[in-house]
């Protein structure tokens, strides 16, 4: 089943990623740029040049899973690079903070589009 948890290891792939790449090309990037194998179940994060699209790739029982998040407003904040792992090692909370645009200073929170969740928020069609 589709599942990301706080027990997994998360790695942000260095460099900018062409978001036209699919699962097999992203697996090659993990191997070539980072020296890892996706099949071990770690989660690999890819961000495009404009920092508004993110892909997460990992292996689950039964196959590979690819998640895509595209921001309508705002950009993803990139963490510090770790030369020893050739990536940006992250934890679950770091991923959540990056996706949600959370900052230690609430005044500096990155902009995010709010999803319409209530029927009253939907535009009238007729």
N, C-alpha and C. Protein backbone atom coordinates (compact mmCIF):
# COMPACT_ATOMS: atom_id res chain seq x y z
N UNK A 1 0.85 -1.19 0.00
CA UNK A 1 0.00 0.00 0.00
C UNK A 1 0.88 1.24 0.00
N UNK A 2 0.36 2.36 -0.39
CA UNK A 2 1.11 3.60 -0.42
C UNK A 2 1.35 4.07 1.01
N UNK A 3 2.63 4.21 1.38
CA UNK A 3 2.90 4.53 2.78
C UNK A 3 4.30 5.14 2.93
N UNK A 4 4.35 6.33 3.49
CA UNK A 4 5.61 6.95 3.90
C UNK A 4 5.51 7.15 5.40
N UNK A 5 6.58 6.79 6.11
CA UNK A 5 6.54 6.88 7.58
C UNK A 5 7.79 7.55 8.12
N UNK A 6 7.76 7.81 9.42
CA UNK A 6 8.92 8.42 10.07
C UNK A 6 10.02 7.41 10.36
N UNK A 7 9.82 6.14 10.05
CA UNK A 7 10.87 5.14 10.25
C UNK A 7 11.75 4.97 9.02
N UNK A 8 11.39 5.59 7.90
CA UNK A 8 12.16 5.49 6.66
C UNK A 8 13.27 6.52 6.64
N UNK A 9 14.28 6.26 5.79
CA UNK A 9 15.33 7.26 5.57
C UNK A 9 14.97 8.04 4.31
N UNK A 10 15.22 9.36 4.37
CA UNK A 10 14.87 10.26 3.27
C UNK A 10 16.13 10.94 2.77
N UNK A 11 16.31 10.99 1.44
CA UNK A 11 17.47 11.63 0.84
C UNK A 11 17.01 12.51 -0.31
N UNK A 12 17.44 13.76 -0.28
CA UNK A 12 17.18 14.70 -1.37
C UNK A 12 18.33 14.58 -2.36
N UNK A 13 18.03 14.24 -3.58
CA UNK A 13 19.05 14.08 -4.61
C UNK A 13 19.67 15.43 -4.96
N UNK A 14 21.00 15.51 -5.04
CA UNK A 14 21.64 16.79 -5.36
C UNK A 14 21.37 17.20 -6.80
N UNK A 15 21.37 18.51 -7.03
CA UNK A 15 21.17 19.03 -8.37
C UNK A 15 19.70 19.20 -8.70
N UNK A 16 19.46 19.78 -9.84
CA UNK A 16 18.10 20.01 -10.32
C UNK A 16 17.67 18.82 -11.16
N UNK A 17 16.41 18.42 -11.06
CA UNK A 17 15.91 17.25 -11.76
C UNK A 17 14.92 17.67 -12.84
N UNK A 18 15.07 17.09 -14.01
CA UNK A 18 14.11 17.26 -15.10
C UNK A 18 12.88 16.43 -14.74
N UNK A 19 11.75 17.08 -14.53
CA UNK A 19 10.55 16.40 -14.06
C UNK A 19 9.90 15.53 -15.12
N UNK A 20 10.44 15.50 -16.33
CA UNK A 20 9.95 14.56 -17.35
C UNK A 20 10.47 13.16 -17.09
N UNK A 21 11.44 13.01 -16.21
CA UNK A 21 12.02 11.70 -15.91
C UNK A 21 11.00 10.82 -15.18
N UNK A 22 11.01 9.55 -15.55
CA UNK A 22 10.14 8.57 -14.91
C UNK A 22 10.90 7.75 -13.89
N UNK A 23 10.27 6.67 -13.45
CA UNK A 23 10.84 5.84 -12.40
C UNK A 23 12.22 5.29 -12.74
N UNK A 24 12.38 4.76 -13.94
CA UNK A 24 13.65 4.12 -14.29
C UNK A 24 14.78 5.14 -14.40
N UNK A 25 14.51 6.30 -14.96
CA UNK A 25 15.53 7.35 -15.05
C UNK A 25 15.91 7.87 -13.67
N UNK A 26 14.92 8.02 -12.80
CA UNK A 26 15.18 8.48 -11.44
C UNK A 26 15.99 7.44 -10.66
N UNK A 27 15.72 6.15 -10.88
CA UNK A 27 16.53 5.09 -10.25
C UNK A 27 17.99 5.21 -10.70
N UNK A 28 18.20 5.52 -11.98
CA UNK A 28 19.55 5.71 -12.49
C UNK A 28 20.23 6.91 -11.84
N UNK A 29 19.48 7.98 -11.60
CA UNK A 29 20.04 9.16 -10.93
C UNK A 29 20.46 8.82 -9.50
N UNK A 30 19.64 8.03 -8.81
CA UNK A 30 19.98 7.63 -7.45
C UNK A 30 21.29 6.83 -7.45
N UNK A 31 21.41 5.92 -8.38
CA UNK A 31 22.62 5.08 -8.48
C UNK A 31 23.83 5.92 -8.88
N UNK A 32 23.70 6.75 -9.92
CA UNK A 32 24.84 7.48 -10.46
C UNK A 32 25.26 8.68 -9.61
N UNK A 33 24.30 9.46 -9.13
CA UNK A 33 24.63 10.67 -8.37
C UNK A 33 24.90 10.41 -6.90
N UNK A 34 24.22 9.39 -6.35
CA UNK A 34 24.28 9.20 -4.90
C UNK A 34 24.92 7.89 -4.48
N UNK A 35 25.02 6.93 -5.39
CA UNK A 35 25.62 5.65 -5.05
C UNK A 35 24.73 4.75 -4.20
N UNK A 36 23.42 4.93 -4.29
CA UNK A 36 22.46 4.13 -3.54
C UNK A 36 21.66 3.26 -4.48
N UNK A 37 20.91 2.33 -3.89
CA UNK A 37 20.01 1.47 -4.64
C UNK A 37 18.60 1.69 -4.10
N UNK A 38 17.68 2.05 -4.97
CA UNK A 38 16.31 2.36 -4.55
C UNK A 38 15.64 1.15 -3.91
N UNK A 39 16.05 -0.04 -4.29
CA UNK A 39 15.38 -1.27 -3.82
C UNK A 39 15.49 -1.51 -2.33
N UNK A 40 16.34 -0.75 -1.62
CA UNK A 40 16.48 -0.92 -0.17
C UNK A 40 15.34 -0.26 0.61
N UNK A 41 14.46 0.47 -0.07
CA UNK A 41 13.29 1.04 0.58
C UNK A 41 13.43 2.46 1.09
N UNK A 42 14.60 3.06 0.90
CA UNK A 42 14.76 4.47 1.28
C UNK A 42 13.94 5.34 0.33
N UNK A 43 13.62 6.55 0.76
CA UNK A 43 12.84 7.47 -0.04
C UNK A 43 13.78 8.51 -0.63
N UNK A 44 13.70 8.69 -1.95
CA UNK A 44 14.57 9.63 -2.64
C UNK A 44 13.71 10.77 -3.19
N UNK A 45 14.17 11.98 -2.91
CA UNK A 45 13.41 13.19 -3.23
C UNK A 45 14.13 13.93 -4.34
N UNK A 46 13.36 14.37 -5.33
CA UNK A 46 13.90 15.10 -6.48
C UNK A 46 13.12 16.40 -6.61
N UNK A 47 13.85 17.49 -6.88
CA UNK A 47 13.22 18.81 -7.03
C UNK A 47 13.68 19.42 -8.34
N UNK A 48 12.75 20.10 -9.02
CA UNK A 48 13.08 20.71 -10.31
C UNK A 48 13.81 22.04 -10.14
N UNK A 49 14.23 22.61 -11.26
CA UNK A 49 15.03 23.84 -11.26
C UNK A 49 14.30 25.01 -10.59
N UNK A 50 13.01 25.15 -10.86
CA UNK A 50 12.28 26.28 -10.29
C UNK A 50 11.79 26.01 -8.86
N UNK A 51 12.08 24.80 -8.33
CA UNK A 51 11.77 24.42 -6.96
C UNK A 51 10.28 24.46 -6.64
N UNK A 52 9.43 24.20 -7.65
CA UNK A 52 8.00 24.16 -7.39
C UNK A 52 7.40 22.76 -7.61
N UNK A 53 8.24 21.80 -8.01
CA UNK A 53 7.77 20.43 -8.21
C UNK A 53 8.73 19.47 -7.53
N UNK A 54 8.15 18.48 -6.84
CA UNK A 54 8.92 17.49 -6.10
C UNK A 54 8.41 16.10 -6.48
N UNK A 55 9.35 15.17 -6.64
CA UNK A 55 9.00 13.76 -6.82
C UNK A 55 9.66 12.96 -5.71
N UNK A 56 8.92 12.00 -5.17
CA UNK A 56 9.46 11.08 -4.16
C UNK A 56 9.38 9.68 -4.74
N UNK A 57 10.49 8.97 -4.69
CA UNK A 57 10.59 7.62 -5.24
C UNK A 57 11.04 6.66 -4.16
N UNK A 58 10.35 5.54 -4.04
CA UNK A 58 10.82 4.48 -3.13
C UNK A 58 10.22 3.15 -3.54
N UNK A 59 10.84 2.09 -3.03
CA UNK A 59 10.39 0.74 -3.33
C UNK A 59 9.58 0.21 -2.16
N UNK A 60 8.45 -0.37 -2.48
CA UNK A 60 7.63 -1.06 -1.49
C UNK A 60 7.55 -2.51 -1.92
N UNK A 61 6.99 -3.35 -1.06
CA UNK A 61 6.74 -4.73 -1.46
C UNK A 61 5.83 -4.69 -2.70
N UNK A 62 6.27 -5.30 -3.75
CA UNK A 62 5.46 -5.34 -4.96
C UNK A 62 5.89 -4.38 -6.04
N UNK A 63 6.73 -3.38 -5.73
CA UNK A 63 7.18 -2.48 -6.79
C UNK A 63 7.55 -1.09 -6.32
N UNK A 64 7.86 -0.27 -7.31
CA UNK A 64 8.25 1.12 -7.05
C UNK A 64 7.02 2.01 -6.94
N UNK A 65 7.15 3.07 -6.14
CA UNK A 65 6.09 4.06 -5.98
C UNK A 65 6.68 5.43 -6.25
N UNK A 66 5.96 6.25 -7.00
CA UNK A 66 6.40 7.61 -7.32
C UNK A 66 5.29 8.59 -6.94
N UNK A 67 5.61 9.49 -6.03
CA UNK A 67 4.69 10.55 -5.62
C UNK A 67 5.15 11.85 -6.28
N UNK A 68 4.20 12.71 -6.65
CA UNK A 68 4.53 14.00 -7.25
C UNK A 68 3.75 15.09 -6.51
N UNK A 69 4.45 16.17 -6.16
CA UNK A 69 3.82 17.34 -5.53
C UNK A 69 4.22 18.56 -6.33
N UNK A 70 3.25 19.30 -6.85
CA UNK A 70 3.52 20.52 -7.60
C UNK A 70 2.84 21.67 -6.86
N UNK A 71 3.64 22.67 -6.51
CA UNK A 71 3.11 23.84 -5.81
C UNK A 71 2.49 24.81 -6.80
N UNK A 72 1.31 25.29 -6.50
CA UNK A 72 0.68 26.34 -7.31
C UNK A 72 1.23 27.70 -6.91
N UNK A 73 1.62 27.81 -5.64
CA UNK A 73 2.17 29.05 -5.10
C UNK A 73 3.36 28.69 -4.22
N UNK A 74 4.45 29.44 -4.33
CA UNK A 74 5.61 29.24 -3.47
C UNK A 74 6.63 28.28 -4.04
N UNK A 75 7.69 28.04 -3.26
CA UNK A 75 8.78 27.15 -3.66
C UNK A 75 9.17 26.29 -2.47
N UNK A 76 9.88 25.19 -2.75
CA UNK A 76 10.41 24.34 -1.69
C UNK A 76 11.74 24.91 -1.21
N UNK A 77 11.96 24.92 0.09
CA UNK A 77 13.22 25.35 0.69
C UNK A 77 14.14 24.14 0.77
N UNK A 78 15.36 24.28 0.25
CA UNK A 78 16.32 23.18 0.20
C UNK A 78 17.19 23.19 1.47
N UNK A 79 17.37 22.02 2.12
CA UNK A 79 18.21 21.95 3.32
C UNK A 79 19.71 21.96 2.98
N UNK A 80 20.55 21.86 4.00
CA UNK A 80 22.01 21.84 3.84
C UNK A 80 22.48 20.55 3.19
N UNK A 81 23.50 20.65 2.32
CA UNK A 81 24.08 19.50 1.62
C UNK A 81 25.11 18.80 2.50
N UNK A 82 25.10 17.46 2.52
CA UNK A 82 26.06 16.65 3.28
C UNK A 82 26.99 15.95 2.30
N UNK A 83 28.27 16.36 2.28
CA UNK A 83 29.23 15.79 1.33
C UNK A 83 29.49 14.31 1.56
N UNK A 84 29.41 13.85 2.81
CA UNK A 84 29.72 12.45 3.11
C UNK A 84 28.70 11.48 2.51
N UNK A 85 27.43 11.88 2.44
CA UNK A 85 26.40 11.01 1.86
C UNK A 85 26.08 11.39 0.41
N UNK A 86 26.69 12.48 -0.06
CA UNK A 86 26.44 13.00 -1.41
C UNK A 86 24.96 13.29 -1.63
N UNK A 87 24.30 13.76 -0.59
CA UNK A 87 22.89 14.10 -0.69
C UNK A 87 22.52 15.04 0.45
N UNK A 88 21.25 15.23 0.62
CA UNK A 88 20.71 16.03 1.70
C UNK A 88 19.94 15.07 2.61
N UNK A 89 20.61 14.41 3.57
CA UNK A 89 19.87 13.45 4.40
C UNK A 89 18.79 14.17 5.20
N UNK A 90 17.65 13.55 5.25
CA UNK A 90 16.50 14.17 5.89
C UNK A 90 15.75 13.14 6.71
N UNK A 91 14.92 13.64 7.59
CA UNK A 91 14.00 12.80 8.33
C UNK A 91 12.59 13.13 7.88
N UNK A 92 11.64 12.34 8.33
CA UNK A 92 10.23 12.56 7.98
C UNK A 92 9.81 14.00 8.28
N UNK A 93 10.17 14.49 9.47
CA UNK A 93 9.76 15.85 9.85
C UNK A 93 10.36 16.89 8.92
N UNK A 94 11.59 16.66 8.42
CA UNK A 94 12.22 17.59 7.49
C UNK A 94 11.44 17.65 6.17
N UNK A 95 10.96 16.49 5.72
CA UNK A 95 10.16 16.45 4.50
C UNK A 95 8.84 17.20 4.70
N UNK A 96 8.19 16.97 5.82
CA UNK A 96 6.92 17.66 6.11
C UNK A 96 7.14 19.16 6.17
N UNK A 97 8.20 19.59 6.83
CA UNK A 97 8.51 21.02 6.93
C UNK A 97 8.75 21.61 5.54
N UNK A 98 9.46 20.88 4.69
CA UNK A 98 9.75 21.37 3.34
C UNK A 98 8.47 21.45 2.51
N UNK A 99 7.64 20.42 2.56
CA UNK A 99 6.41 20.39 1.76
C UNK A 99 5.43 21.45 2.22
N UNK A 100 5.30 21.62 3.53
CA UNK A 100 4.33 22.58 4.06
C UNK A 100 4.84 24.01 4.11
N UNK A 101 6.14 24.23 3.89
CA UNK A 101 6.69 25.58 3.91
C UNK A 101 6.83 26.14 5.31
N UNK A 102 6.97 25.27 6.28
CA UNK A 102 7.04 25.69 7.69
C UNK A 102 8.41 26.28 7.98
N UNK A 103 8.42 27.35 8.77
CA UNK A 103 9.65 28.00 9.19
C UNK A 103 9.63 28.13 10.71
N UNK A 104 10.83 28.21 11.32
CA UNK A 104 10.89 28.40 12.77
C UNK A 104 10.24 29.73 13.15
N UNK A 105 10.33 30.70 12.28
CA UNK A 105 9.69 31.99 12.50
C UNK A 105 8.37 31.98 11.71
N UNK A 106 7.22 31.97 12.39
CA UNK A 106 5.93 31.91 11.68
C UNK A 106 5.74 33.03 10.65
N UNK A 107 6.37 34.15 10.85
CA UNK A 107 6.23 35.26 9.91
C UNK A 107 6.93 34.96 8.58
N UNK A 108 7.88 34.01 8.60
CA UNK A 108 8.63 33.67 7.39
C UNK A 108 8.12 32.40 6.71
N UNK A 109 6.95 31.91 7.10
CA UNK A 109 6.40 30.71 6.48
C UNK A 109 6.22 30.93 4.99
N UNK A 110 6.63 29.93 4.19
CA UNK A 110 6.53 30.03 2.74
C UNK A 110 5.06 29.94 2.31
N UNK A 111 4.72 30.63 1.24
CA UNK A 111 3.34 30.67 0.77
C UNK A 111 2.93 29.32 0.18
N UNK A 112 1.71 28.91 0.45
CA UNK A 112 1.12 27.71 -0.11
C UNK A 112 -0.33 28.01 -0.46
N UNK A 113 -0.80 27.47 -1.55
CA UNK A 113 -2.19 27.59 -1.96
C UNK A 113 -3.05 26.73 -1.05
N UNK A 114 -4.15 27.25 -0.59
CA UNK A 114 -5.06 26.49 0.26
C UNK A 114 -6.03 25.71 -0.61
N UNK A 115 -6.17 24.43 -0.31
CA UNK A 115 -7.10 23.58 -1.05
C UNK A 115 -8.53 23.90 -0.64
N UNK A 116 -9.46 23.84 -1.61
CA UNK A 116 -10.88 24.03 -1.31
C UNK A 116 -11.39 22.71 -0.76
N UNK A 117 -11.75 22.70 0.51
CA UNK A 117 -12.14 21.46 1.17
C UNK A 117 -13.63 21.40 1.50
N UNK A 118 -14.31 22.53 1.49
CA UNK A 118 -15.72 22.55 1.85
C UNK A 118 -16.57 22.75 0.59
N UNK A 119 -17.77 22.21 0.62
CA UNK A 119 -18.70 22.40 -0.48
C UNK A 119 -18.95 23.89 -0.69
N UNK A 120 -19.00 24.67 0.37
CA UNK A 120 -19.26 26.10 0.26
C UNK A 120 -18.11 26.83 -0.46
N UNK A 121 -16.89 26.22 -0.49
CA UNK A 121 -15.76 26.84 -1.16
C UNK A 121 -15.77 26.61 -2.68
N UNK A 122 -16.56 25.65 -3.13
CA UNK A 122 -16.59 25.32 -4.56
C UNK A 122 -17.36 26.37 -5.34
N UNK A 123 -16.91 26.72 -6.54
CA UNK A 123 -17.64 27.70 -7.33
C UNK A 123 -18.97 27.12 -7.80
N UNK A 124 -19.96 27.98 -7.93
CA UNK A 124 -21.28 27.57 -8.42
C UNK A 124 -21.21 27.38 -9.93
N UNK A 125 -21.59 26.20 -10.40
CA UNK A 125 -21.53 25.89 -11.82
C UNK A 125 -22.80 26.25 -12.55
N UNK A 126 -23.92 26.29 -11.85
CA UNK A 126 -25.19 26.57 -12.52
C UNK A 126 -25.88 27.74 -11.89
